[in-house]
């Protein structure tokens, strides 16, 4: 037993001498050494992340990431910390974080337990959830079902539900929580509805417009922004019902604890100081008391 313990101690000492260290211990050093930080952004996730008129990344999440870069520059003692913007899509964004192609993802990513197996999330930056987009002339019974308004013939409602959703086409963007949620709900309700995954929000909205899909399920805040800018807004309606609560967060690699700490410290400072109000108003309008409470609850004490 003594000989075995001695062997273990020698092996552990050898690891220390070889420079073994916990994952993520030198993340900020790596950013300092490479002389830049790589931020992932999306082109079609307005108002969180999009390209402005000049083709530069913009949006709520982008603005928060820029605040974080300013804080990192001070923490690392740098006079400048250039940003390398890397465009990602909904289906490759987490792989970009895992592979080290980007240091921080500044988009509209929902924090989930399943995703935490692969990446790490900051404290929440926005209280979001899934809503549905339909045409204004969608069948009344279909809208009532999606809105959760059950008719008086409650005993036969489950059979009616199956009839109403039979052969309906429901869409969601590939690689999003909305797509996963749709698949699970179809299985739970045992209905014969088709799920059509789309490449982006524009395709999802267009499918509803041309009646290729009966409904498009997506992040409510992005849907509101998309329809506000659409020339066909009068033909579409976003249902009042929010099917899920999904906290949006920034994303870094698992093990990047130094970077994650710096991100959470910066966000918490913005929340506690109230600086977040101006950034929020820029993209979402005035804050109500519920939103202010969300930020107060999300901020971590120093």
Protein backbone atom coordinates (compact mmCIF):
# COMPACT_ATOMS: atom_id res chain seq x y z
CA UNK A 1 0.00 0.00 0.00
CA UNK A 2 2.84 2.39 0.91
CA UNK A 3 4.65 1.59 -2.38
CA UNK A 4 1.40 2.21 -4.37
CA UNK A 5 0.83 5.55 -2.61
CA UNK A 6 4.39 6.59 -3.32
CA UNK A 7 3.91 5.75 -7.00
CA UNK A 8 0.75 7.86 -7.17
CA UNK A 9 2.52 10.80 -5.52
CA UNK A 10 5.46 10.58 -7.92
CA UNK A 11 3.07 10.50 -10.89
CA UNK A 12 1.15 13.52 -9.56
CA UNK A 13 4.39 15.44 -9.04
CA UNK A 14 5.46 14.62 -12.58
CA UNK A 15 2.20 16.07 -13.90
CA UNK A 16 2.77 19.29 -11.99
CA UNK A 17 6.33 19.55 -13.30
CA UNK A 18 5.01 19.03 -16.82
CA UNK A 19 2.69 21.99 -16.35
CA UNK A 20 -0.59 20.10 -16.00
CA UNK A 21 -3.42 22.49 -15.05
CA UNK A 22 -7.19 22.50 -14.94
CA UNK A 23 -8.94 23.18 -18.25
CA UNK A 24 -9.55 26.86 -18.75
CA UNK A 25 -6.78 28.06 -16.43
CA UNK A 26 -5.01 30.05 -19.18
CA UNK A 27 -7.97 31.24 -21.24
CA UNK A 28 -7.42 34.94 -20.65
CA UNK A 29 -3.69 34.47 -21.18
CA UNK A 30 -4.47 32.92 -24.55
CA UNK A 31 -6.57 35.93 -25.56
CA UNK A 32 -3.77 38.25 -24.41
CA UNK A 33 -1.14 36.27 -26.32
CA UNK A 34 -3.15 36.09 -29.56
CA UNK A 35 -3.69 39.86 -29.34
CA UNK A 36 -7.38 39.65 -30.25
CA UNK A 37 -10.67 38.11 -29.22
CA UNK A 38 -12.88 36.13 -31.60
CA UNK A 39 -16.58 36.79 -31.22
CA UNK A 40 -19.22 34.69 -32.97
CA UNK A 41 -22.26 36.50 -34.36
CA UNK A 42 -25.31 35.70 -36.45
CA UNK A 43 -26.53 37.70 -39.43
CA UNK A 44 -30.27 37.02 -39.06
CA UNK A 45 -31.12 36.99 -35.34
CA UNK A 46 -32.28 40.58 -35.01
CA UNK A 47 -32.52 42.30 -32.52
CA UNK A 48 -29.94 40.10 -30.73
CA UNK A 49 -27.38 39.72 -33.52
CA UNK A 50 -27.51 40.95 -37.11
CA UNK A 51 -25.66 42.96 -39.75
CA UNK A 52 -26.41 46.69 -39.89
CA UNK A 53 -26.64 48.82 -43.04
CA UNK A 54 -22.84 48.99 -43.32
CA UNK A 55 -22.49 45.21 -42.99
CA UNK A 56 -21.07 45.31 -39.45
CA UNK A 57 -22.30 43.10 -36.58
CA UNK A 58 -24.90 44.84 -34.42
CA UNK A 59 -27.62 44.00 -31.92
CA UNK A 60 -28.34 43.59 -28.23
CA UNK A 61 -26.02 40.61 -27.66
CA UNK A 62 -23.31 42.23 -29.77
CA UNK A 63 -23.50 45.42 -27.68
CA UNK A 64 -23.11 43.38 -24.48
CA UNK A 65 -20.12 41.52 -25.91
CA UNK A 66 -18.48 44.82 -26.81
CA UNK A 67 -18.88 45.94 -23.18
CA UNK A 68 -17.25 42.68 -22.10
CA UNK A 69 -14.31 43.24 -24.46
CA UNK A 70 -13.78 46.72 -22.94
CA UNK A 71 -13.70 45.15 -19.47
CA UNK A 72 -11.31 42.41 -20.60
CA UNK A 73 -8.97 44.97 -22.10
CA UNK A 74 -8.71 46.67 -18.70
CA UNK A 75 -8.37 43.38 -16.81
CA UNK A 76 -5.58 42.17 -19.09
CA UNK A 77 -3.77 45.52 -18.99
CA UNK A 78 -4.01 46.05 -22.75
CA UNK A 79 -4.23 49.35 -24.59
CA UNK A 80 -6.32 47.65 -27.26
CA UNK A 81 -8.05 44.33 -27.84
CA UNK A 82 -9.18 44.01 -31.47
CA UNK A 83 -12.32 41.98 -32.19
CA UNK A 84 -12.32 39.35 -34.92
CA UNK A 85 -15.97 38.80 -35.86
CA UNK A 86 -16.80 35.27 -37.00
CA UNK A 87 -20.18 34.60 -38.63
CA UNK A 88 -21.98 31.47 -37.41
CA UNK A 89 -25.35 29.90 -38.15
CA UNK A 90 -27.95 28.26 -35.93
CA UNK A 91 -26.69 24.75 -36.73
CA UNK A 92 -22.92 25.32 -36.31
CA UNK A 93 -22.67 27.99 -33.59
CA UNK A 94 -22.01 25.61 -30.68
CA UNK A 95 -19.50 23.58 -32.69
CA UNK A 96 -17.61 26.84 -33.32
CA UNK A 97 -17.36 27.37 -29.56
CA UNK A 98 -16.35 23.76 -28.88
CA UNK A 99 -13.66 23.74 -31.55
CA UNK A 100 -12.14 27.01 -30.34
CA UNK A 101 -12.96 28.85 -33.57
CA UNK A 102 -14.55 31.56 -31.40
CA UNK A 103 -13.97 32.64 -27.80
CA UNK A 104 -17.49 33.91 -27.12
CA UNK A 105 -20.82 33.49 -28.91
CA UNK A 106 -22.86 36.69 -29.09
CA UNK A 107 -26.21 35.60 -30.47
CA UNK A 108 -29.62 34.40 -29.30
CA UNK A 109 -28.70 31.11 -27.65
CA UNK A 110 -31.07 29.56 -25.13
CA UNK A 111 -29.34 28.07 -22.09
CA UNK A 112 -30.41 24.43 -21.66
CA UNK A 113 -29.11 21.52 -19.62
CA UNK A 114 -28.56 19.44 -22.77
CA UNK A 115 -26.41 22.16 -24.34
CA UNK A 116 -24.42 22.53 -21.13
CA UNK A 117 -22.97 19.10 -21.85
CA UNK A 118 -20.98 20.78 -24.62
CA UNK A 119 -20.68 24.51 -23.83
CA UNK A 120 -20.92 26.95 -20.93
CA UNK A 121 -23.45 29.77 -20.55
CA UNK A 122 -23.25 33.18 -18.92
CA UNK A 123 -25.88 34.49 -16.54
CA UNK A 124 -29.09 35.24 -18.53
CA UNK A 125 -29.16 38.35 -20.69
CA UNK A 126 -32.83 38.22 -21.78
CA UNK A 127 -36.05 36.44 -20.69
CA UNK A 128 -37.30 34.87 -23.91
CA UNK A 129 -39.55 32.05 -25.07
CA UNK A 130 -41.17 30.34 -28.06
CA UNK A 131 -44.17 31.87 -29.83
CA UNK A 132 -45.99 31.03 -33.06
CA UNK A 133 -46.45 33.02 -36.26
CA UNK A 134 -49.53 32.33 -38.42
CA UNK A 135 -51.43 34.03 -41.19
CA UNK A 136 -54.22 36.39 -40.13
CA UNK A 137 -56.66 34.25 -42.13
CA UNK A 138 -55.60 31.00 -40.44
CA UNK A 139 -58.59 28.79 -39.49
CA UNK A 140 -60.19 29.96 -36.25
CA UNK A 141 -60.07 26.51 -34.61
CA UNK A 142 -56.36 26.18 -35.46
CA UNK A 143 -55.58 29.55 -33.85
CA UNK A 144 -57.70 28.73 -30.81
CA UNK A 145 -55.81 25.49 -30.34
CA UNK A 146 -52.40 27.18 -30.55
CA UNK A 147 -53.51 29.96 -28.22
CA UNK A 148 -54.66 27.42 -25.65
CA UNK A 149 -58.34 28.40 -25.79
CA UNK A 150 -60.28 25.15 -25.34
CA UNK A 151 -63.86 25.04 -26.62
CA UNK A 152 -66.89 24.06 -24.49
CA UNK A 153 -66.87 20.47 -25.82
CA UNK A 154 -63.97 19.63 -23.52
CA UNK A 155 -64.57 15.79 -23.32
CA UNK A 156 -63.89 15.37 -27.04
CA UNK A 157 -61.19 18.04 -27.26
CA UNK A 158 -58.29 15.58 -27.56
CA UNK A 159 -59.87 13.93 -30.60
CA UNK A 160 -60.63 17.36 -32.01
CA UNK A 161 -57.00 18.39 -31.44
CA UNK A 162 -55.79 15.47 -33.54
CA UNK A 163 -58.24 16.39 -36.30
CA UNK A 164 -57.24 20.07 -36.27
CA UNK A 165 -53.51 19.30 -36.45
CA UNK A 166 -53.86 16.41 -38.88
CA UNK A 167 -51.49 16.98 -41.82
CA UNK A 168 -50.72 20.55 -40.71
CA UNK A 169 -47.16 21.71 -41.45
CA UNK A 170 -45.36 23.32 -38.52
CA UNK A 171 -41.96 24.96 -39.02
CA UNK A 172 -38.99 25.89 -36.85
CA UNK A 173 -35.41 26.88 -37.52
CA UNK A 174 -32.95 23.99 -37.62
CA UNK A 175 -30.70 23.70 -34.57
CA UNK A 176 -32.95 25.74 -32.26
CA UNK A 177 -34.83 24.85 -29.10
CA UNK A 178 -38.06 25.57 -30.99
CA UNK A 179 -37.32 22.68 -33.37
CA UNK A 180 -36.59 20.30 -30.48
CA UNK A 181 -39.69 21.46 -28.60
CA UNK A 182 -41.93 20.86 -31.63
CA UNK A 183 -40.71 17.29 -32.02
CA UNK A 184 -41.32 16.55 -28.34
CA UNK A 185 -44.78 18.14 -28.32
CA UNK A 186 -45.86 16.18 -31.41
CA UNK A 187 -44.80 12.95 -29.71
CA UNK A 188 -46.53 13.89 -26.44
CA UNK A 189 -49.80 14.84 -28.15
CA UNK A 190 -49.61 11.95 -30.64
CA UNK A 191 -50.78 14.09 -33.53
CA UNK A 192 -50.14 13.64 -37.23
CA UNK A 193 -48.51 16.99 -38.02
CA UNK A 194 -45.48 17.46 -40.26
CA UNK A 195 -42.47 19.36 -38.92
CA UNK A 196 -40.47 21.24 -41.54
CA UNK A 197 -37.12 22.60 -40.39
CA UNK A 198 -35.97 25.79 -42.12
CA UNK A 199 -32.53 27.33 -42.54
CA UNK A 200 -33.36 30.75 -41.09
CA UNK A 201 -36.13 33.09 -39.92
CA UNK A 202 -36.64 34.59 -43.37
CA UNK A 203 -37.46 31.17 -44.81
CA UNK A 204 -39.76 30.40 -41.89
CA UNK A 205 -41.75 33.61 -42.34
CA UNK A 206 -41.91 33.15 -46.11
CA UNK A 207 -43.29 29.61 -45.79
CA UNK A 208 -46.18 30.93 -43.69
CA UNK A 209 -46.82 33.73 -46.18
CA UNK A 210 -47.06 31.37 -49.16
CA UNK A 211 -48.99 28.77 -47.09
CA UNK A 212 -46.25 26.10 -47.26
CA UNK A 213 -46.38 26.05 -43.45
CA UNK A 214 -49.37 26.64 -41.22
CA UNK A 215 -47.28 28.07 -38.37
CA UNK A 216 -43.68 29.06 -37.69
CA UNK A 217 -42.43 28.56 -34.12
CA UNK A 218 -39.50 30.68 -32.99
CA UNK A 219 -38.10 33.08 -30.40
CA UNK A 220 -40.77 35.69 -29.72
CA UNK A 221 -38.46 38.72 -29.61
CA UNK A 222 -36.94 37.86 -33.00
CA UNK A 223 -40.37 37.17 -34.50
CA UNK A 224 -41.62 40.59 -33.37
CA UNK A 225 -38.62 42.28 -35.00
CA UNK A 226 -38.95 40.28 -38.23
CA UNK A 227 -42.62 41.12 -38.66
CA UNK A 228 -42.09 44.79 -37.80
CA UNK A 229 -39.71 45.02 -40.75
CA UNK A 230 -41.76 42.89 -43.14
CA UNK A 231 -43.68 44.47 -46.01
CA UNK A 232 -46.24 41.69 -45.54
CA UNK A 233 -46.83 42.37 -41.83
CA UNK A 234 -50.57 42.92 -42.40
CA UNK A 235 -50.92 39.29 -43.53
CA UNK A 236 -49.27 37.83 -40.43
CA UNK A 237 -49.91 37.67 -36.69
CA UNK A 238 -47.82 36.53 -33.74
CA UNK A 239 -49.98 34.73 -31.22
CA UNK A 240 -50.05 36.15 -27.69
CA UNK A 241 -49.25 32.80 -26.13
CA UNK A 242 -45.64 32.13 -25.13
CA UNK A 243 -45.16 28.36 -24.99
CA UNK A 244 -41.91 28.30 -23.03
CA UNK A 245 -39.63 30.39 -20.84
CA UNK A 246 -36.12 30.33 -22.30
CA UNK A 247 -33.30 32.45 -20.86
CA UNK A 248 -31.00 33.80 -23.57
CA UNK A 249 -27.28 33.81 -22.63
CA UNK A 250 -23.81 34.30 -24.06
CA UNK A 251 -21.80 31.14 -24.74
CA UNK A 252 -18.19 30.15 -24.08
CA UNK A 253 -16.28 26.86 -24.05
CA UNK A 254 -16.62 24.44 -21.15
CA UNK A 255 -13.66 24.85 -18.83
CA UNK A 256 -13.15 28.51 -19.75
CA UNK A 257 -13.88 29.52 -16.16
CA UNK A 258 -11.64 32.61 -16.18
CA UNK A 259 -13.39 33.96 -19.26
CA UNK A 260 -16.83 32.99 -17.98
CA UNK A 261 -16.11 34.77 -14.67
CA UNK A 262 -15.07 37.92 -16.53
CA UNK A 263 -18.24 37.77 -18.65
CA UNK A 264 -20.55 37.29 -15.64
CA UNK A 265 -18.77 40.02 -13.66
CA UNK A 266 -19.24 42.52 -16.50
CA UNK A 267 -22.90 41.61 -17.03
CA UNK A 268 -23.65 41.75 -13.30
CA UNK A 269 -22.04 45.18 -13.13
CA UNK A 270 -24.21 46.42 -16.00
CA UNK A 271 -27.32 45.04 -14.31
CA UNK A 272 -26.57 46.44 -10.84
CA UNK A 273 -25.58 49.89 -12.11
CA UNK A 274 -28.60 50.23 -14.39
CA UNK A 275 -26.41 50.71 -17.49
CA UNK A 276 -28.31 47.79 -19.00
CA UNK A 277 -31.44 49.98 -19.26
CA UNK A 278 -30.04 52.13 -22.08
CA UNK A 279 -28.76 49.11 -24.01
CA UNK A 280 -32.07 47.30 -23.60
CA UNK A 281 -34.14 50.34 -24.72
CA UNK A 282 -32.04 50.65 -27.86
CA UNK A 283 -33.29 47.29 -29.13
CA UNK A 284 -36.52 46.46 -27.27
CA UNK A 285 -38.05 49.75 -26.16
CA UNK A 286 -38.98 50.78 -22.63
CA UNK A 287 -38.55 48.35 -19.74
CA UNK A 288 -41.47 47.37 -17.56
CA UNK A 289 -41.09 46.37 -13.93
CA UNK A 290 -40.96 42.66 -14.81
CA UNK A 291 -37.91 43.19 -17.01
CA UNK A 292 -36.18 45.30 -14.36
CA UNK A 293 -36.85 42.56 -11.81
CA UNK A 294 -35.37 39.99 -14.20
CA UNK A 295 -32.06 41.90 -14.35
CA UNK A 296 -31.98 42.45 -10.59
CA UNK A 297 -32.49 38.73 -10.02
CA UNK A 298 -29.95 37.69 -12.70
CA UNK A 299 -27.09 39.86 -11.36
CA UNK A 300 -24.59 38.06 -9.15
CA UNK A 301 -23.16 39.77 -6.05
CA UNK A 302 -19.48 40.70 -6.22
